[in-house]
C-alpha atoms as a PDB file:
ATOM      1  CA  UNK A   1       8.489   5.718 -20.600  1.00  0.00           C
ATOM      2  CA  UNK A   2       5.767   7.128 -22.189  1.00  0.00           C
ATOM      3  CA  UNK A   3       2.769   4.691 -21.584  1.00  0.00           C
ATOM      4  CA  UNK A   4       2.362   1.846 -18.812  1.00  0.00           C
ATOM      5  CA  UNK A   5      -0.151   0.542 -17.140  1.00  0.00           C
ATOM      6  CA  UNK A   6      -1.155   0.351 -13.061  1.00  0.00           C
ATOM      7  CA  UNK A   7      -2.144  -3.171 -11.635  1.00  0.00           C
ATOM      8  CA  UNK A   8      -4.232  -4.146  -8.875  1.00  0.00           C
ATOM      9  CA  UNK A   9      -3.794  -7.406  -8.114  1.00  0.00           C
ATOM     10  CA  UNK A  10      -2.629  -8.039 -11.555  1.00  0.00           C
ATOM     11  CA  UNK A  11      -5.811  -6.217 -13.160  1.00  0.00           C
ATOM     12  CA  UNK A  12      -5.365  -2.897 -14.642  1.00  0.00           C
ATOM     13  CA  UNK A  13      -7.248  -0.025 -13.064  1.00  0.00           C
ATOM     14  CA  UNK A  14      -9.020   0.665 -16.140  1.00  0.00           C
ATOM     15  CA  UNK A  15     -10.620  -2.507 -16.483  1.00  0.00           C
ATOM     16  CA  UNK A  16     -11.902  -2.253 -12.752  1.00  0.00           C
ATOM     17  CA  UNK A  17     -15.214   0.060 -11.630  1.00  0.00           C
ATOM     18  CA  UNK A  18     -14.682   3.271 -11.200  1.00  0.00           C
ATOM     19  CA  UNK A  19     -17.120   2.975  -7.739  1.00  0.00           C
ATOM     20  CA  UNK A  20     -15.571   0.504  -6.418  1.00  0.00           C
ATOM     21  CA  UNK A  21     -12.094   1.504  -6.940  1.00  0.00           C
ATOM     22  CA  UNK A  22     -12.711   4.635  -4.772  1.00  0.00           C
ATOM     23  CA  UNK A  23     -14.616   2.802  -2.193  1.00  0.00           C
ATOM     24  CA  UNK A  24     -12.129   0.579  -1.500  1.00  0.00           C
ATOM     25  CA  UNK A  25      -8.689   2.451  -2.323  1.00  0.00           C
ATOM     26  CA  UNK A  26      -7.514   5.591  -0.670  1.00  0.00           C
ATOM     27  CA  UNK A  27      -4.097   7.961  -0.702  1.00  0.00           C
ATOM     28  CA  UNK A  28      -2.652   8.406   2.211  1.00  0.00           C
ATOM     29  CA  UNK A  29       0.109  11.048   2.013  1.00  0.00           C
ATOM     30  CA  UNK A  30       3.001  11.187   3.967  1.00  0.00           C
ATOM     31  CA  UNK A  31       2.138  15.138   4.875  1.00  0.00           C
ATOM     32  CA  UNK A  32      -1.685  15.463   5.340  1.00  0.00           C
ATOM     33  CA  UNK A  33      -3.525  18.850   5.369  1.00  0.00           C
ATOM     34  CA  UNK A  34      -5.911  19.324   7.976  1.00  0.00           C
ATOM     35  CA  UNK A  35      -8.703  21.906   8.225  1.00  0.00           C
ATOM     36  CA  UNK A  36      -9.642  23.932  11.200  1.00  0.00           C
ATOM     37  CA  UNK A  37     -12.201  22.048  13.165  1.00  0.00           C
ATOM     38  CA  UNK A  38     -11.434  18.688  15.606  1.00  0.00           C
ATOM     39  CA  UNK A  39      -9.815  15.773  14.433  1.00  0.00           C
ATOM     40  CA  UNK A  40     -13.124  14.146  14.277  1.00  0.00           C
ATOM     41  CA  UNK A  41     -14.515  16.989  12.112  1.00  0.00           C
ATOM     42  CA  UNK A  42     -11.476  16.378   9.722  1.00  0.00           C
ATOM     43  CA  UNK A  43     -12.360  12.657   9.880  1.00  0.00           C
ATOM     44  CA  UNK A  44     -15.566  13.245   8.479  1.00  0.00           C
ATOM     45  CA  UNK A  45     -14.245  14.947   5.765  1.00  0.00           C
ATOM     46  CA  UNK A  46     -13.225  12.224   4.009  1.00  0.00           C
ATOM     47  CA  UNK A  47     -17.248  10.616   3.636  1.00  0.00           C
ATOM     48  CA  UNK A  48     -19.605  11.091   0.806  1.00  0.00           C
ATOM     49  CA  UNK A  49     -22.032  12.082   3.446  1.00  0.00           C
ATOM     50  CA  UNK A  50     -20.993  14.004   6.899  1.00  0.00           C
ATOM     51  CA  UNK A  51     -24.119  13.763   8.456  1.00  0.00           C
ATOM     52  CA  UNK A  52     -24.114   9.768   8.346  1.00  0.00           C
ATOM     53  CA  UNK A  53     -20.466   9.490   9.596  1.00  0.00           C
ATOM     54  CA  UNK A  54     -20.686   8.100  13.140  1.00  0.00           C
ATOM     55  CA  UNK A  55     -18.477   8.343  15.966  1.00  0.00           C
ATOM     56  CA  UNK A  56     -17.844   4.533  15.670  1.00  0.00           C
ATOM     57  CA  UNK A  57     -17.060   5.483  12.159  1.00  0.00           C
ATOM     58  CA  UNK A  58     -14.797   7.684  13.057  1.00  0.00           C
ATOM     59  CA  UNK A  59     -12.656   6.045  15.228  1.00  0.00           C
ATOM     60  CA  UNK A  60     -12.259   3.124  12.903  1.00  0.00           C
ATOM     61  CA  UNK A  61     -11.359   5.341  10.282  1.00  0.00           C
ATOM     62  CA  UNK A  62      -8.447   6.421  12.939  1.00  0.00           C
ATOM     63  CA  UNK A  63      -7.760   2.953  13.959  1.00  0.00           C
ATOM     64  CA  UNK A  64      -6.876   1.892  10.362  1.00  0.00           C
ATOM     65  CA  UNK A  65      -4.855   4.886   9.632  1.00  0.00           C
ATOM     66  CA  UNK A  66      -2.825   3.678  12.867  1.00  0.00           C
ATOM     67  CA  UNK A  67      -3.747   7.145  14.821  1.00  0.00           C
ATOM     68  CA  UNK A  68      -6.347   5.961  17.233  1.00  0.00           C
ATOM     69  CA  UNK A  69      -3.954   5.812  20.107  1.00  0.00           C
ATOM     70  CA  UNK A  70      -2.445   8.976  19.342  1.00  0.00           C
ATOM     71  CA  UNK A  71      -6.040  10.732  19.283  1.00  0.00           C
ATOM     72  CA  UNK A  72      -6.864   8.691  22.619  1.00  0.00           C
ATOM     73  CA  UNK A  73      -3.678  10.426  23.963  1.00  0.00           C
ATOM     74  CA  UNK A  74      -4.462  13.898  23.566  1.00  0.00           C
ATOM     75  CA  UNK A  75      -6.145  15.775  26.397  1.00  0.00           C
ATOM     76  CA  UNK A  76      -8.955  16.488  24.276  1.00  0.00           C
ATOM     77  CA  UNK A  77      -9.131  12.873  22.593  1.00  0.00           C
ATOM     78  CA  UNK A  78     -11.282  13.088  19.078  1.00  0.00           C
ATOM     79  CA  UNK A  79     -12.363  16.563  20.319  1.00  0.00           C
ATOM     80  CA  UNK A  80      -9.583  18.366  20.337  1.00  0.00           C
ATOM     81  CA  UNK A  81      -9.166  20.989  18.131  1.00  0.00           C
ATOM     82  CA  UNK A  82      -6.724  21.569  15.032  1.00  0.00           C
ATOM     83  CA  UNK A  83      -5.514  24.968  14.391  1.00  0.00           C
ATOM     84  CA  UNK A  84      -5.093  26.211  10.629  1.00  0.00           C
ATOM     85  CA  UNK A  85      -1.657  25.892  10.892  1.00  0.00           C
ATOM     86  CA  UNK A  86      -2.224  21.791  11.135  1.00  0.00           C
ATOM     87  CA  UNK A  87      -0.708  22.335  15.102  1.00  0.00           C
ATOM     88  CA  UNK A  88      -3.214  21.232  17.833  1.00  0.00           C
ATOM     89  CA  UNK A  89      -5.016  23.788  19.625  1.00  0.00           C
ATOM     90  CA  UNK A  90      -4.198  23.542  23.847  1.00  0.00           C
ATOM     91  CA  UNK A  91      -1.478  21.124  23.234  1.00  0.00           C
ATOM     92  CA  UNK A  92       2.018  22.171  24.129  1.00  0.00           C
ATOM     93  CA  UNK A  93       5.361  20.416  23.178  1.00  0.00           C
ATOM     94  CA  UNK A  94       3.863  17.991  20.347  1.00  0.00           C
ATOM     95  CA  UNK A  95       5.104  18.548  16.679  1.00  0.00           C
ATOM     96  CA  UNK A  96       2.279  17.832  15.015  1.00  0.00           C
ATOM     97  CA  UNK A  97       3.592  18.479  11.265  1.00  0.00           C
END
């Protein structure tokens, strides 16, 4: 197949407002990349303005991704530091890949 169209609710993506689309649709890959810092800091990286996203917004994003309970169960919760190899700093026996 050399051509086609991607539809969202029956509408071609090419006909939708690009700003609306970027604000309402996101890609969640099976294997995520994290950056050195806390879970909260990594979630804030998904915001256009890092300075305005509240901890409530961070927790809502985690809940939307079905990860809030997982993060809450960590010893440091959302303040858990992610190491450069995508592991959880100070968490033993957990596979975080």
